[in-house]
């Protein structure tokens, strides 16, 4: 995860001002893996986001795989960053990792308070999915596939 976080920091260091960084977030939104339409319903909406953000997690070969979408392009870029860092990782790695890239690129301090709250809600939900899959995996003796 640290390697990907460092890559993100280096990507954002190229830009001098936050308008360019916002434009980069908009570009990143296009790289977000498409979420299956059946997950774009209220059950998968993240509470606490100003925009609508849908998040789905699956457990494949001991790793949590996320897909997401949002109706706002900057928010979609933010969730694309989070998916890039956390998807395809073991639950313990997701739960225990500090997402230091957020502070290093100045993301939280350059978001509106409601978007900042949404960022926190997205991270919390992703970690909750990882925690649930960890618990399910331990309960089933390592056979918690979905």
N, C-alpha and C. Protein backbone atom coordinates (compact mmCIF):
# COMPACT_ATOMS: atom_id res chain seq x y z
N UNK A 1 0.82 -1.20 0.00
CA UNK A 1 0.00 0.00 0.00
C UNK A 1 0.86 1.26 0.00
N UNK A 2 1.99 1.19 0.69
CA UNK A 2 2.86 2.38 0.75
C UNK A 2 3.37 2.78 -0.62
N UNK A 3 3.67 1.80 -1.45
CA UNK A 3 4.18 2.10 -2.79
C UNK A 3 3.13 2.87 -3.60
N UNK A 4 1.90 2.42 -3.55
CA UNK A 4 0.83 3.10 -4.28
C UNK A 4 0.58 4.49 -3.70
N UNK A 5 0.62 4.60 -2.39
CA UNK A 5 0.44 5.92 -1.77
C UNK A 5 1.55 6.88 -2.22
N UNK A 6 2.78 6.38 -2.29
CA UNK A 6 3.89 7.22 -2.74
C UNK A 6 3.70 7.64 -4.20
N UNK A 7 3.21 6.72 -5.03
CA UNK A 7 2.94 7.07 -6.44
C UNK A 7 1.91 8.19 -6.53
N UNK A 8 0.89 8.13 -5.70
CA UNK A 8 -0.15 9.17 -5.69
C UNK A 8 0.44 10.50 -5.27
N UNK A 9 1.27 10.50 -4.23
CA UNK A 9 1.92 11.73 -3.77
C UNK A 9 2.73 12.34 -4.91
N UNK A 10 3.49 11.51 -5.61
CA UNK A 10 4.32 12.00 -6.71
C UNK A 10 3.46 12.54 -7.86
N UNK A 11 2.33 11.90 -8.13
CA UNK A 11 1.41 12.40 -9.17
C UNK A 11 0.93 13.80 -8.83
N UNK A 12 0.56 14.01 -7.58
CA UNK A 12 0.00 15.30 -7.17
C UNK A 12 1.07 16.37 -7.00
N UNK A 13 2.33 15.98 -6.79
CA UNK A 13 3.41 16.97 -6.66
C UNK A 13 3.65 17.72 -7.98
N UNK A 14 3.23 17.15 -9.08
CA UNK A 14 3.41 17.78 -10.39
C UNK A 14 2.62 19.09 -10.46
N UNK A 15 1.50 19.15 -9.77
CA UNK A 15 0.60 20.30 -9.87
C UNK A 15 0.90 21.34 -8.80
N UNK A 16 0.89 22.61 -9.23
CA UNK A 16 1.20 23.71 -8.31
C UNK A 16 0.00 24.21 -7.54
N UNK A 17 -1.17 24.22 -8.17
CA UNK A 17 -2.33 24.75 -7.45
C UNK A 17 -3.45 23.72 -7.41
N UNK A 18 -4.42 24.02 -6.54
CA UNK A 18 -5.46 23.04 -6.30
C UNK A 18 -6.47 22.93 -7.43
N UNK A 19 -6.56 23.93 -8.29
CA UNK A 19 -7.44 23.78 -9.45
C UNK A 19 -6.92 22.66 -10.35
N UNK A 20 -5.60 22.62 -10.52
CA UNK A 20 -5.00 21.55 -11.33
C UNK A 20 -5.18 20.19 -10.63
N UNK A 21 -5.07 20.20 -9.32
CA UNK A 21 -5.24 18.94 -8.57
C UNK A 21 -6.69 18.45 -8.65
N UNK A 22 -7.64 19.39 -8.60
CA UNK A 22 -9.05 19.01 -8.78
C UNK A 22 -9.27 18.42 -10.17
N UNK A 23 -8.64 19.04 -11.18
CA UNK A 23 -8.76 18.50 -12.54
C UNK A 23 -8.17 17.10 -12.62
N UNK A 24 -7.08 16.86 -11.88
CA UNK A 24 -6.48 15.52 -11.85
C UNK A 24 -7.45 14.53 -11.19
N UNK A 25 -8.10 14.96 -10.13
CA UNK A 25 -9.11 14.09 -9.48
C UNK A 25 -10.22 13.74 -10.47
N UNK A 26 -10.63 14.72 -11.27
CA UNK A 26 -11.67 14.46 -12.26
C UNK A 26 -11.18 13.44 -13.28
N UNK A 27 -9.93 13.55 -13.70
CA UNK A 27 -9.36 12.56 -14.62
C UNK A 27 -9.31 11.17 -13.97
N UNK A 28 -8.93 11.14 -12.69
CA UNK A 28 -8.85 9.86 -11.98
C UNK A 28 -10.22 9.20 -11.87
N UNK A 29 -11.27 10.01 -11.83
CA UNK A 29 -12.62 9.45 -11.72
C UNK A 29 -12.93 8.53 -12.90
N UNK A 30 -12.29 8.79 -14.02
CA UNK A 30 -12.52 7.98 -15.23
C UNK A 30 -11.85 6.61 -15.12
N UNK A 31 -10.91 6.46 -14.19
CA UNK A 31 -10.19 5.19 -14.04
C UNK A 31 -10.86 4.25 -13.05
N UNK A 32 -11.91 4.73 -12.40
CA UNK A 32 -12.58 3.92 -11.38
C UNK A 32 -13.24 2.70 -12.02
N UNK A 33 -12.93 1.49 -11.52
CA UNK A 33 -13.60 0.30 -12.07
C UNK A 33 -15.12 0.45 -11.95
N UNK A 34 -15.80 0.05 -12.97
CA UNK A 34 -17.26 0.22 -13.02
C UNK A 34 -17.92 -0.70 -11.99
N UNK A 35 -18.81 -0.12 -11.22
CA UNK A 35 -19.58 -0.89 -10.25
C UNK A 35 -20.77 -1.53 -10.97
N UNK A 36 -21.06 -2.74 -10.60
CA UNK A 36 -22.23 -3.42 -11.17
C UNK A 36 -23.48 -2.63 -10.80
N UNK A 37 -24.34 -2.41 -11.76
CA UNK A 37 -25.55 -1.62 -11.56
C UNK A 37 -26.42 -2.07 -10.41
N UNK A 38 -26.38 -3.35 -10.09
CA UNK A 38 -27.23 -3.84 -8.98
C UNK A 38 -26.78 -3.31 -7.63
N UNK A 39 -25.56 -2.75 -7.55
CA UNK A 39 -25.07 -2.18 -6.29
C UNK A 39 -25.31 -0.68 -6.20
N UNK A 40 -25.92 -0.10 -7.22
CA UNK A 40 -26.24 1.33 -7.17
C UNK A 40 -27.66 1.49 -6.63
N UNK A 41 -27.78 1.12 -5.36
CA UNK A 41 -29.06 1.25 -4.67
C UNK A 41 -28.78 1.71 -3.24
N UNK A 42 -29.81 2.10 -2.51
CA UNK A 42 -29.61 2.67 -1.17
C UNK A 42 -28.80 1.80 -0.20
N UNK A 43 -28.86 0.50 -0.37
CA UNK A 43 -28.13 -0.41 0.53
C UNK A 43 -26.62 -0.17 0.48
N UNK A 44 -26.12 0.28 -0.65
CA UNK A 44 -24.67 0.46 -0.84
C UNK A 44 -24.24 1.92 -0.80
N UNK A 45 -25.16 2.83 -0.50
CA UNK A 45 -24.82 4.24 -0.37
C UNK A 45 -24.04 4.46 0.92
N UNK A 46 -23.03 5.30 0.85
CA UNK A 46 -22.26 5.63 2.05
C UNK A 46 -22.93 6.80 2.75
N UNK A 47 -23.28 6.60 4.00
CA UNK A 47 -23.89 7.66 4.81
C UNK A 47 -22.83 8.70 5.16
N UNK A 48 -23.21 9.96 5.12
CA UNK A 48 -22.30 11.03 5.52
C UNK A 48 -21.61 11.73 4.37
N UNK A 49 -21.90 11.31 3.15
CA UNK A 49 -21.33 11.97 1.98
C UNK A 49 -22.33 12.98 1.43
N UNK A 50 -21.82 14.14 1.05
CA UNK A 50 -22.65 15.17 0.43
C UNK A 50 -23.19 14.66 -0.90
N UNK A 51 -22.33 14.02 -1.68
CA UNK A 51 -22.72 13.43 -2.95
C UNK A 51 -23.13 11.99 -2.70
N UNK A 52 -23.77 11.41 -3.69
CA UNK A 52 -24.11 10.00 -3.55
C UNK A 52 -22.90 9.17 -3.95
N UNK A 53 -22.51 8.27 -3.05
CA UNK A 53 -21.37 7.38 -3.28
C UNK A 53 -21.83 5.96 -2.95
N UNK A 54 -21.69 5.09 -3.94
CA UNK A 54 -22.02 3.69 -3.75
C UNK A 54 -20.71 2.92 -3.65
N UNK A 55 -20.64 2.01 -2.69
CA UNK A 55 -19.45 1.20 -2.48
C UNK A 55 -19.85 -0.25 -2.28
N UNK A 56 -19.19 -1.11 -3.01
CA UNK A 56 -19.40 -2.55 -2.86
C UNK A 56 -18.05 -3.20 -2.63
N UNK A 57 -18.03 -4.20 -1.78
CA UNK A 57 -16.81 -4.96 -1.53
C UNK A 57 -17.09 -6.43 -1.73
N UNK A 58 -16.11 -7.10 -2.26
CA UNK A 58 -16.18 -8.54 -2.46
C UNK A 58 -14.93 -9.14 -1.82
N UNK A 59 -14.96 -10.41 -1.51
CA UNK A 59 -13.82 -11.08 -0.89
C UNK A 59 -13.38 -12.19 -1.83
N UNK A 60 -12.19 -12.01 -2.43
CA UNK A 60 -11.69 -12.95 -3.42
C UNK A 60 -10.27 -13.37 -3.07
N UNK A 61 -10.06 -14.65 -2.92
CA UNK A 61 -8.73 -15.20 -2.62
C UNK A 61 -8.07 -14.51 -1.42
N UNK A 62 -8.87 -14.26 -0.38
CA UNK A 62 -8.33 -13.68 0.84
C UNK A 62 -8.11 -12.18 0.78
N UNK A 63 -8.59 -11.54 -0.28
CA UNK A 63 -8.40 -10.10 -0.44
C UNK A 63 -9.74 -9.40 -0.66
N UNK A 64 -9.82 -8.17 -0.17
CA UNK A 64 -11.02 -7.37 -0.35
C UNK A 64 -10.88 -6.59 -1.66
N UNK A 65 -11.90 -6.70 -2.50
CA UNK A 65 -11.91 -6.01 -3.79
C UNK A 65 -13.10 -5.05 -3.79
N UNK A 66 -12.80 -3.76 -4.00
CA UNK A 66 -13.82 -2.74 -3.96
C UNK A 66 -14.20 -2.27 -5.37
N UNK A 67 -15.46 -1.95 -5.53
CA UNK A 67 -15.93 -1.19 -6.68
C UNK A 67 -16.80 -0.07 -6.13
N UNK A 68 -16.86 1.04 -6.84
CA UNK A 68 -17.58 2.21 -6.33
C UNK A 68 -18.01 3.10 -7.48
N UNK A 69 -18.87 4.04 -7.14
CA UNK A 69 -19.28 5.05 -8.10
C UNK A 69 -19.82 6.23 -7.31
N UNK A 70 -19.88 7.38 -7.96
CA UNK A 70 -20.44 8.58 -7.36
C UNK A 70 -21.10 9.40 -8.44
N UNK A 71 -22.06 10.23 -8.03
CA UNK A 71 -22.72 11.11 -8.98
C UNK A 71 -22.00 12.45 -9.10
N UNK A 72 -20.88 12.63 -8.41
CA UNK A 72 -20.09 13.87 -8.48
C UNK A 72 -18.65 13.51 -8.87
N UNK A 73 -18.12 14.21 -9.88
CA UNK A 73 -16.83 13.79 -10.44
C UNK A 73 -15.66 13.93 -9.47
N UNK A 74 -15.62 14.97 -8.66
CA UNK A 74 -14.50 15.11 -7.71
C UNK A 74 -14.59 14.01 -6.66
N UNK A 75 -15.78 13.76 -6.16
CA UNK A 75 -15.97 12.68 -5.19
C UNK A 75 -15.62 11.33 -5.81
N UNK A 76 -15.98 11.16 -7.07
CA UNK A 76 -15.64 9.92 -7.77
C UNK A 76 -14.13 9.79 -7.90
N UNK A 77 -13.42 10.89 -8.11
CA UNK A 77 -11.96 10.86 -8.15
C UNK A 77 -11.37 10.48 -6.80
N UNK A 78 -11.97 10.98 -5.74
CA UNK A 78 -11.50 10.66 -4.38
C UNK A 78 -11.69 9.17 -4.09
N UNK A 79 -12.87 8.65 -4.39
CA UNK A 79 -13.10 7.22 -4.13
C UNK A 79 -12.22 6.38 -5.04
N UNK A 80 -11.91 6.88 -6.24
CA UNK A 80 -10.99 6.16 -7.13
C UNK A 80 -9.62 6.04 -6.50
N UNK A 81 -9.15 7.09 -5.82
CA UNK A 81 -7.87 7.02 -5.11
C UNK A 81 -7.92 5.98 -4.00
N UNK A 82 -9.00 6.00 -3.23
CA UNK A 82 -9.13 5.06 -2.11
C UNK A 82 -9.19 3.62 -2.61
N UNK A 83 -9.93 3.40 -3.68
CA UNK A 83 -10.02 2.05 -4.26
C UNK A 83 -8.64 1.62 -4.76
N UNK A 84 -7.94 2.53 -5.40
CA UNK A 84 -6.59 2.23 -5.91
C UNK A 84 -5.65 1.78 -4.79
N UNK A 85 -5.74 2.44 -3.65
CA UNK A 85 -4.85 2.12 -2.53
C UNK A 85 -5.29 0.85 -1.80
N UNK A 86 -6.59 0.69 -1.56
CA UNK A 86 -7.05 -0.37 -0.66
C UNK A 86 -7.55 -1.65 -1.33
N UNK A 87 -7.98 -1.58 -2.58
CA UNK A 87 -8.54 -2.76 -3.22
C UNK A 87 -7.47 -3.80 -3.52
N UNK A 88 -7.86 -5.07 -3.37
CA UNK A 88 -6.92 -6.15 -3.64
C UNK A 88 -5.97 -6.42 -2.51
N UNK A 89 -6.34 -5.98 -1.31
CA UNK A 89 -5.50 -6.16 -0.11
C UNK A 89 -6.17 -7.10 0.87
N UNK A 90 -5.36 -7.70 1.72
CA UNK A 90 -5.90 -8.51 2.80
C UNK A 90 -6.56 -7.61 3.83
N UNK A 91 -7.60 -8.10 4.50
CA UNK A 91 -8.30 -7.27 5.47
C UNK A 91 -7.40 -6.60 6.50
N UNK A 92 -6.45 -7.34 7.09
CA UNK A 92 -5.57 -6.74 8.10
C UNK A 92 -4.77 -5.57 7.55
N UNK A 93 -4.36 -5.68 6.30
CA UNK A 93 -3.59 -4.61 5.67
C UNK A 93 -4.45 -3.34 5.54
N UNK A 94 -5.72 -3.51 5.20
CA UNK A 94 -6.63 -2.37 5.06
C UNK A 94 -6.94 -1.77 6.42
N UNK A 95 -7.24 -2.62 7.38
CA UNK A 95 -7.63 -2.16 8.71
C UNK A 95 -6.49 -1.41 9.40
N UNK A 96 -5.28 -1.95 9.28
CA UNK A 96 -4.16 -1.40 10.03
C UNK A 96 -3.35 -0.33 9.33
N UNK A 97 -3.70 0.00 8.10
CA UNK A 97 -2.87 0.94 7.35
C UNK A 97 -3.32 2.37 7.56
N UNK A 98 -2.32 3.23 7.73
CA UNK A 98 -2.55 4.66 7.81
C UNK A 98 -2.53 5.21 6.38
N UNK A 99 -3.56 5.89 6.00
CA UNK A 99 -3.64 6.46 4.65
C UNK A 99 -2.98 7.83 4.65
N UNK A 100 -1.65 7.82 4.75
CA UNK A 100 -0.87 9.05 4.88
C UNK A 100 -0.86 9.90 3.62
N UNK A 101 -1.17 9.32 2.48
CA UNK A 101 -1.13 10.10 1.24
C UNK A 101 -2.15 11.24 1.28
N UNK A 102 -3.25 11.07 2.01
CA UNK A 102 -4.30 12.09 2.08
C UNK A 102 -3.73 13.40 2.61
N UNK A 103 -2.97 13.33 3.70
CA UNK A 103 -2.36 14.54 4.25
C UNK A 103 -1.21 15.04 3.38
N UNK A 104 -0.44 14.12 2.83
CA UNK A 104 0.73 14.51 2.02
C UNK A 104 0.33 15.28 0.76
N UNK A 105 -0.81 14.94 0.17
CA UNK A 105 -1.22 15.68 -1.03
C UNK A 105 -2.11 16.88 -0.66
N UNK A 106 -2.43 17.03 0.63
CA UNK A 106 -3.24 18.15 1.08
C UNK A 106 -4.72 18.01 0.77
N UNK A 107 -5.15 16.79 0.58
CA UNK A 107 -6.53 16.56 0.16
C UNK A 107 -7.53 17.05 1.19
N UNK A 108 -7.40 16.60 2.42
CA UNK A 108 -8.41 16.91 3.44
C UNK A 108 -8.52 18.42 3.67
N UNK A 109 -7.38 19.10 3.69
CA UNK A 109 -7.41 20.54 3.97
C UNK A 109 -7.94 21.36 2.79
N UNK A 110 -8.03 20.78 1.61
CA UNK A 110 -8.52 21.49 0.44
C UNK A 110 -9.92 21.05 0.01
N UNK A 111 -10.58 20.33 0.89
CA UNK A 111 -11.96 19.93 0.64
C UNK A 111 -12.89 20.77 1.51
N UNK A 112 -14.10 20.95 1.04
CA UNK A 112 -15.10 21.61 1.88
C UNK A 112 -15.34 20.71 3.10
N UNK A 113 -15.85 21.29 4.18
CA UNK A 113 -16.12 20.46 5.36
C UNK A 113 -17.02 19.26 5.06
N UNK A 114 -18.03 19.44 4.21
CA UNK A 114 -18.92 18.31 3.92
C UNK A 114 -18.20 17.25 3.10
N UNK A 115 -17.35 17.66 2.15
CA UNK A 115 -16.59 16.67 1.38
C UNK A 115 -15.56 15.98 2.26
N UNK A 116 -14.97 16.72 3.19
CA UNK A 116 -14.01 16.12 4.12
C UNK A 116 -14.70 15.07 4.99
N UNK A 117 -15.91 15.37 5.44
CA UNK A 117 -16.68 14.39 6.20
C UNK A 117 -16.99 13.18 5.33
N UNK A 118 -17.28 13.41 4.06
CA UNK A 118 -17.54 12.32 3.13
C UNK A 118 -16.32 11.43 2.95
N UNK A 119 -15.14 12.04 2.87
CA UNK A 119 -13.89 11.29 2.75
C UNK A 119 -13.72 10.37 3.95
N UNK A 120 -13.96 10.91 5.13
CA UNK A 120 -13.85 10.11 6.36
C UNK A 120 -14.87 8.96 6.33
N UNK A 121 -16.08 9.25 5.87
CA UNK A 121 -17.13 8.22 5.79
C UNK A 121 -16.74 7.12 4.80
N UNK A 122 -16.13 7.50 3.66
CA UNK A 122 -15.70 6.50 2.68
C UNK A 122 -14.65 5.57 3.26
N UNK A 123 -13.65 6.16 3.93
CA UNK A 123 -12.58 5.37 4.53
C UNK A 123 -13.15 4.44 5.60
N UNK A 124 -14.03 4.99 6.42
CA UNK A 124 -14.64 4.19 7.50
C UNK A 124 -15.39 3.00 6.91
N UNK A 125 -16.18 3.22 5.85
CA UNK A 125 -16.96 2.14 5.26
C UNK A 125 -16.04 1.08 4.64
N UNK A 126 -14.97 1.51 3.99
CA UNK A 126 -14.05 0.55 3.38
C UNK A 126 -13.38 -0.30 4.46
N UNK A 127 -13.03 0.32 5.58
CA UNK A 127 -12.40 -0.43 6.67
C UNK A 127 -13.42 -1.35 7.35
N UNK A 128 -14.67 -0.91 7.43
CA UNK A 128 -15.72 -1.78 8.00
C UNK A 128 -15.93 -3.02 7.14
N UNK A 129 -15.92 -2.86 5.82
CA UNK A 129 -16.02 -4.02 4.94
C UNK A 129 -14.85 -4.98 5.21
N UNK A 130 -13.64 -4.43 5.33
CA UNK A 130 -12.47 -5.27 5.58
C UNK A 130 -12.60 -6.00 6.91
N UNK A 131 -13.08 -5.30 7.92
CA UNK A 131 -13.26 -5.90 9.24
C UNK A 131 -14.31 -7.02 9.18
N UNK A 132 -15.39 -6.78 8.45
CA UNK A 132 -16.45 -7.80 8.32
C UNK A 132 -15.92 -9.04 7.60
N UNK A 133 -15.14 -8.83 6.53
CA UNK A 133 -14.59 -9.99 5.81
C UNK A 133 -13.56 -10.72 6.65
N UNK A 134 -12.80 -9.99 7.45
CA UNK A 134 -11.84 -10.64 8.34
C UNK A 134 -12.58 -11.53 9.34
N UNK A 135 -13.62 -10.98 9.95
CA UNK A 135 -14.39 -11.75 10.94
C UNK A 135 -15.05 -12.96 10.29
N UNK A 136 -15.63 -12.77 9.13
CA UNK A 136 -16.29 -13.87 8.43
C UNK A 136 -15.27 -14.95 8.05
N UNK A 137 -14.10 -14.52 7.60
CA UNK A 137 -13.04 -15.44 7.19
C UNK A 137 -12.55 -16.26 8.39
N UNK A 138 -12.39 -15.60 9.53
CA UNK A 138 -11.94 -16.30 10.74
C UNK A 138 -13.01 -17.28 11.22
N UNK A 139 -14.27 -16.88 11.12
CA UNK A 139 -15.37 -17.73 11.56
C UNK A 139 -15.50 -18.99 10.71
N UNK A 140 -15.23 -18.84 9.42
CA UNK A 140 -15.37 -19.98 8.50
C UNK A 140 -14.06 -20.74 8.31
N UNK A 141 -13.06 -20.36 9.08
CA UNK A 141 -11.77 -21.06 8.98
C UNK A 141 -11.04 -20.78 7.69
N UNK A 142 -11.13 -19.54 7.23
CA UNK A 142 -10.39 -19.16 6.01
C UNK A 142 -11.14 -19.44 4.74
N UNK A 143 -12.42 -19.79 4.86
CA UNK A 143 -13.20 -20.09 3.66
C UNK A 143 -14.35 -19.10 3.51
N UNK A 144 -14.06 -17.81 3.79
CA UNK A 144 -15.09 -16.78 3.75
C UNK A 144 -15.31 -16.18 2.39
N UNK A 145 -15.14 -16.94 1.36
CA UNK A 145 -15.33 -16.42 0.00
C UNK A 145 -16.79 -16.06 -0.22
N UNK A 146 -17.01 -15.06 -1.08
CA UNK A 146 -18.39 -14.70 -1.44
C UNK A 146 -18.60 -14.91 -2.91
